[in-house]
Amino acid sequence: MSNDTIIGAIIALSSGIAGAFLQAIVSRRSEYIKVGRQARYDAYADYFKGIAQLSHGSDLSSAHALIADARGRIALYGSKEVVVAMSKAFEHGPDIQSVEAREDLSSMLAAMRADVLWIDPAVPKPALVSLLFGSEKP
């Protein structure tokens, strides 16, 4: 067996090992991103499910439990922008009828959209307010 053959075999083996290693790293990273994004999506969706249950007079204790659980998950998994927007929206307390509260809630929703959908969140605020509250004005 010549030196060229041995060197070629070593290079081929090294390339195969390096390729497998890189594929494992990329696959693991991709799965990590996918799982994190799904966790954020679920937390954001559950938060709005709880809000919808509250607004329609469903079982209030289960709605509050769903919201509390979602808020905890958002605190863990949510992006900085979502957590900051959510904190600002909570400054209004239970009053979500004021113009300021509605704008802050629509900003929170826009931040959530940008976080999980990776799309341009530039949906006009009046459209988000109308979607969330049924009208643009309180």
C-alpha atoms as a PDB file:
ATOM      1  CA  MET A   1       0.000   0.000   0.000  1.00  0.00           C
ATOM      2  CA  SER A   2       1.515   3.334  -1.026  1.00  0.00           C
ATOM      3  CA  ASN A   3       1.695   6.484   1.045  1.00  0.00           C
ATOM      4  CA  ASP A   4      -0.736   8.224  -1.312  1.00  0.00           C
ATOM      5  CA  THR A   5      -3.353   5.547  -0.699  1.00  0.00           C
ATOM      6  CA  ILE A   6      -2.929   5.752   3.067  1.00  0.00           C
ATOM      7  CA  ILE A   7      -3.087   9.565   3.019  1.00  0.00           C
ATOM      8  CA  GLY A   8      -6.188   9.431   0.815  1.00  0.00           C
ATOM      9  CA  ALA A   9      -7.868   6.984   3.205  1.00  0.00           C
ATOM     10  CA  ILE A  10      -7.008   9.139   6.224  1.00  0.00           C
ATOM     11  CA  ILE A  11      -8.356  12.259   4.498  1.00  0.00           C
ATOM     12  CA  ALA A  12     -11.559  10.454   3.508  1.00  0.00           C
ATOM     13  CA  LEU A  13     -12.049   9.099   7.030  1.00  0.00           C
ATOM     14  CA  SER A  14     -11.326  12.510   8.575  1.00  0.00           C
ATOM     15  CA  SER A  15     -13.741  14.190   6.173  1.00  0.00           C
ATOM     16  CA  GLY A  16     -16.458  11.684   7.035  1.00  0.00           C
ATOM     17  CA  ILE A  17     -15.980  12.200  10.767  1.00  0.00           C
ATOM     18  CA  ALA A  18     -15.904  15.999  10.408  1.00  0.00           C
ATOM     19  CA  GLY A  19     -19.043  15.920   8.229  1.00  0.00           C
ATOM     20  CA  ALA A  20     -20.914  13.762  10.716  1.00  0.00           C
ATOM     21  CA  PHE A  21     -19.824  16.000  13.579  1.00  0.00           C
ATOM     22  CA  LEU A  22     -20.935  19.171  11.776  1.00  0.00           C
ATOM     23  CA  GLN A  23     -24.248  17.592  10.811  1.00  0.00           C
ATOM     24  CA  ALA A  24     -24.884  16.631  14.436  1.00  0.00           C
ATOM     25  CA  ILE A  25     -24.127  20.169  15.623  1.00  0.00           C
ATOM     26  CA  VAL A  26     -26.332  21.802  12.993  1.00  0.00           C
ATOM     27  CA  SER A  27     -29.157  19.329  13.610  1.00  0.00           C
ATOM     28  CA  ARG A  28     -29.009  19.841  17.366  1.00  0.00           C
ATOM     29  CA  ARG A  29     -28.976  23.631  17.008  1.00  0.00           C
ATOM     30  CA  SER A  30     -31.889  23.527  14.578  1.00  0.00           C
ATOM     31  CA  GLU A  31     -33.922  21.364  16.948  1.00  0.00           C
ATOM     32  CA  TYR A  32     -33.094  23.681  19.859  1.00  0.00           C
ATOM     33  CA  ILE A  33     -34.370  26.681  17.889  1.00  0.00           C
ATOM     34  CA  LYS A  34     -37.491  24.798  16.790  1.00  0.00           C
ATOM     35  CA  VAL A  35     -38.384  23.652  20.314  1.00  0.00           C
ATOM     36  CA  GLY A  36     -37.783  27.123  21.785  1.00  0.00           C
ATOM     37  CA  ARG A  37     -39.890  28.783  19.136  1.00  0.00           C
ATOM     38  CA  GLN A  38     -42.725  26.296  19.675  1.00  0.00           C
ATOM     39  CA  ALA A  39     -42.578  26.843  23.450  1.00  0.00           C
ATOM     40  CA  ARG A  40     -42.880  30.608  22.943  1.00  0.00           C
ATOM     41  CA  TYR A  41     -45.706  30.171  20.437  1.00  0.00           C
ATOM     42  CA  ASP A  42     -47.633  27.917  22.834  1.00  0.00           C
ATOM     43  CA  ALA A  43     -47.152  30.326  25.754  1.00  0.00           C
ATOM     44  CA  TYR A  44     -48.287  33.332  23.715  1.00  0.00           C
ATOM     45  CA  ALA A  45     -51.297  31.477  22.304  1.00  0.00           C
ATOM     46  CA  ASP A  46     -52.312  30.186  25.748  1.00  0.00           C
ATOM     47  CA  TYR A  47     -52.115  33.703  27.152  1.00  0.00           C
ATOM     48  CA  PHE A  48     -54.598  34.971  24.577  1.00  0.00           C
ATOM     49  CA  LYS A  49     -56.794  31.878  25.035  1.00  0.00           C
ATOM     50  CA  GLY A  50     -57.040  32.767  28.718  1.00  0.00           C
ATOM     51  CA  ILE A  51     -57.844  36.388  27.898  1.00  0.00           C
ATOM     52  CA  ALA A  52     -60.559  35.212  25.504  1.00  0.00           C
ATOM     53  CA  GLN A  53     -62.024  32.943  28.194  1.00  0.00           C
ATOM     54  CA  LEU A  54     -62.122  35.875  30.610  1.00  0.00           C
ATOM     55  CA  SER A  55     -63.763  38.180  28.100  1.00  0.00           C
ATOM     56  CA  HIS A  56     -66.491  35.657  27.325  1.00  0.00           C
ATOM     57  CA  GLY A  57     -67.329  34.794  30.930  1.00  0.00           C
ATOM     58  CA  SER A  58     -66.052  31.242  30.782  1.00  0.00           C
ATOM     59  CA  ASP A  59     -64.839  29.417  33.867  1.00  0.00           C
ATOM     60  CA  LEU A  60     -62.922  32.279  35.462  1.00  0.00           C
ATOM     61  CA  SER A  61     -60.700  30.150  37.685  1.00  0.00           C
ATOM     62  CA  SER A  62     -59.478  28.041  34.756  1.00  0.00           C
ATOM     63  CA  ALA A  63     -58.965  31.199  32.691  1.00  0.00           C
ATOM     64  CA  HIS A  64     -56.881  32.772  35.462  1.00  0.00           C
ATOM     65  CA  ALA A  65     -54.899  29.542  35.838  1.00  0.00           C
ATOM     66  CA  LEU A  66     -54.223  29.407  32.090  1.00  0.00           C
ATOM     67  CA  ILE A  67     -53.103  33.041  32.062  1.00  0.00           C
ATOM     68  CA  ALA A  68     -50.843  32.580  35.102  1.00  0.00           C
ATOM     69  CA  ASP A  69     -49.257  29.496  33.551  1.00  0.00           C
ATOM     70  CA  ALA A  70     -48.745  31.276  30.231  1.00  0.00           C
ATOM     71  CA  ARG A  71     -47.236  34.318  31.954  1.00  0.00           C
ATOM     72  CA  GLY A  72     -44.739  32.097  33.741  1.00  0.00           C
ATOM     73  CA  ARG A  73     -43.741  30.428  30.483  1.00  0.00           C
ATOM     74  CA  ILE A  74     -43.466  33.813  28.775  1.00  0.00           C
ATOM     75  CA  ALA A  75     -41.158  34.960  31.580  1.00  0.00           C
ATOM     76  CA  LEU A  76     -38.996  31.881  30.902  1.00  0.00           C
ATOM     77  CA  TYR A  77     -39.103  31.627  27.105  1.00  0.00           C
ATOM     78  CA  GLY A  78     -40.284  35.012  25.842  1.00  0.00           C
ATOM     79  CA  SER A  79     -38.031  37.369  23.975  1.00  0.00           C
ATOM     80  CA  LYS A  80     -36.804  40.536  25.648  1.00  0.00           C
ATOM     81  CA  GLU A  81     -39.116  42.608  23.443  1.00  0.00           C
ATOM     82  CA  VAL A  82     -42.167  40.559  24.429  1.00  0.00           C
ATOM     83  CA  VAL A  83     -41.396  40.646  28.152  1.00  0.00           C
ATOM     84  CA  VAL A  84     -40.837  44.421  28.062  1.00  0.00           C
ATOM     85  CA  ALA A  85     -44.021  45.014  26.019  1.00  0.00           C
ATOM     86  CA  MET A  86     -46.002  42.741  28.342  1.00  0.00           C
ATOM     87  CA  SER A  87     -44.695  44.554  31.425  1.00  0.00           C
ATOM     88  CA  LYS A  88     -45.735  47.868  29.916  1.00  0.00           C
ATOM     89  CA  ALA A  89     -49.203  46.514  29.104  1.00  0.00           C
ATOM     90  CA  PHE A  90     -49.605  45.300  32.702  1.00  0.00           C
ATOM     91  CA  GLU A  91     -48.994  48.820  34.021  1.00  0.00           C
ATOM     92  CA  HIS A  92     -52.630  49.553  33.155  1.00  0.00           C
ATOM     93  CA  GLY A  93     -53.907  46.884  35.542  1.00  0.00           C
ATOM     94  CA  PRO A  94     -57.322  45.462  34.747  1.00  0.00           C
ATOM     95  CA  ASP A  95     -58.269  48.544  32.698  1.00  0.00           C
ATOM     96  CA  ILE A  96     -57.847  47.459  29.102  1.00  0.00           C
ATOM     97  CA  GLN A  97     -60.415  49.865  27.725  1.00  0.00           C
ATOM     98  CA  SER A  98     -58.241  52.994  27.644  1.00  0.00           C
ATOM     99  CA  VAL A  99     -56.561  53.999  24.395  1.00  0.00           C
ATOM    100  CA  GLU A 100     -53.121  53.659  26.017  1.00  0.00           C
ATOM    101  CA  ALA A 101     -53.848  50.165  27.331  1.00  0.00           C
ATOM    102  CA  ARG A 102     -55.106  49.030  23.944  1.00  0.00           C
ATOM    103  CA  GLU A 103     -52.034  50.421  22.205  1.00  0.00           C
ATOM    104  CA  ASP A 104     -49.737  48.688  24.684  1.00  0.00           C
ATOM    105  CA  LEU A 105     -51.598  45.395  24.243  1.00  0.00           C
ATOM    106  CA  SER A 106     -51.366  45.699  20.463  1.00  0.00           C
ATOM    107  CA  SER A 107     -47.624  46.428  20.805  1.00  0.00           C
ATOM    108  CA  MET A 108     -47.311  43.282  22.911  1.00  0.00           C
ATOM    109  CA  LEU A 109     -49.102  41.251  20.236  1.00  0.00           C
ATOM    110  CA  ALA A 110     -46.872  42.733  17.519  1.00  0.00           C
ATOM    111  CA  ALA A 111     -43.779  41.744  19.532  1.00  0.00           C
ATOM    112  CA  MET A 112     -45.142  38.208  19.930  1.00  0.00           C
ATOM    113  CA  ARG A 113     -45.815  37.968  16.187  1.00  0.00           C
ATOM    114  CA  ALA A 114     -42.284  39.095  15.384  1.00  0.00           C
ATOM    115  CA  ASP A 115     -40.836  36.620  17.890  1.00  0.00           C
ATOM    116  CA  VAL A 116     -42.545  33.438  16.723  1.00  0.00           C
ATOM    117  CA  LEU A 117     -43.426  34.114  13.114  1.00  0.00           C
ATOM    118  CA  TRP A 118     -40.206  35.842  12.060  1.00  0.00           C
ATOM    119  CA  ILE A 119     -42.211  38.180   9.898  1.00  0.00           C
ATOM    120  CA  ASP A 120     -42.419  41.927   9.618  1.00  0.00           C
ATOM    121  CA  PRO A 121     -44.604  42.853  12.590  1.00  0.00           C
ATOM    122  CA  ALA A 122     -45.602  46.135  10.989  1.00  0.00           C
ATOM    123  CA  VAL A 123     -49.305  45.396  11.030  1.00  0.00           C
ATOM    124  CA  PRO A 124     -50.924  48.776  11.680  1.00  0.00           C
ATOM    125  CA  LYS A 125     -51.817  49.229  15.356  1.00  0.00           C
ATOM    126  CA  PRO A 126     -55.425  50.170  14.549  1.00  0.00           C
ATOM    127  CA  ALA A 127     -55.812  46.804  12.810  1.00  0.00           C
ATOM    128  CA  LEU A 128     -54.467  44.922  15.840  1.00  0.00           C
ATOM    129  CA  VAL A 129     -56.649  46.943  18.218  1.00  0.00           C
ATOM    130  CA  SER A 130     -59.679  46.246  16.053  1.00  0.00           C
ATOM    131  CA  LEU A 131     -58.835  42.550  15.922  1.00  0.00           C
ATOM    132  CA  LEU A 132     -58.339  42.309  19.689  1.00  0.00           C
ATOM    133  CA  PHE A 133     -61.172  44.550  20.861  1.00  0.00           C
ATOM    134  CA  GLY A 134     -63.645  44.704  18.015  1.00  0.00           C
ATOM    135  CA  SER A 135     -63.159  48.400  17.373  1.00  0.00           C
ATOM    136  CA  GLU A 136     -60.404  50.941  17.167  1.00  0.00           C
ATOM    137  CA  LYS A 137     -61.871  53.204  19.856  1.00  0.00           C
ATOM    138  CA  PRO A 138     -62.810  52.405  23.458  1.00  0.00           C
END
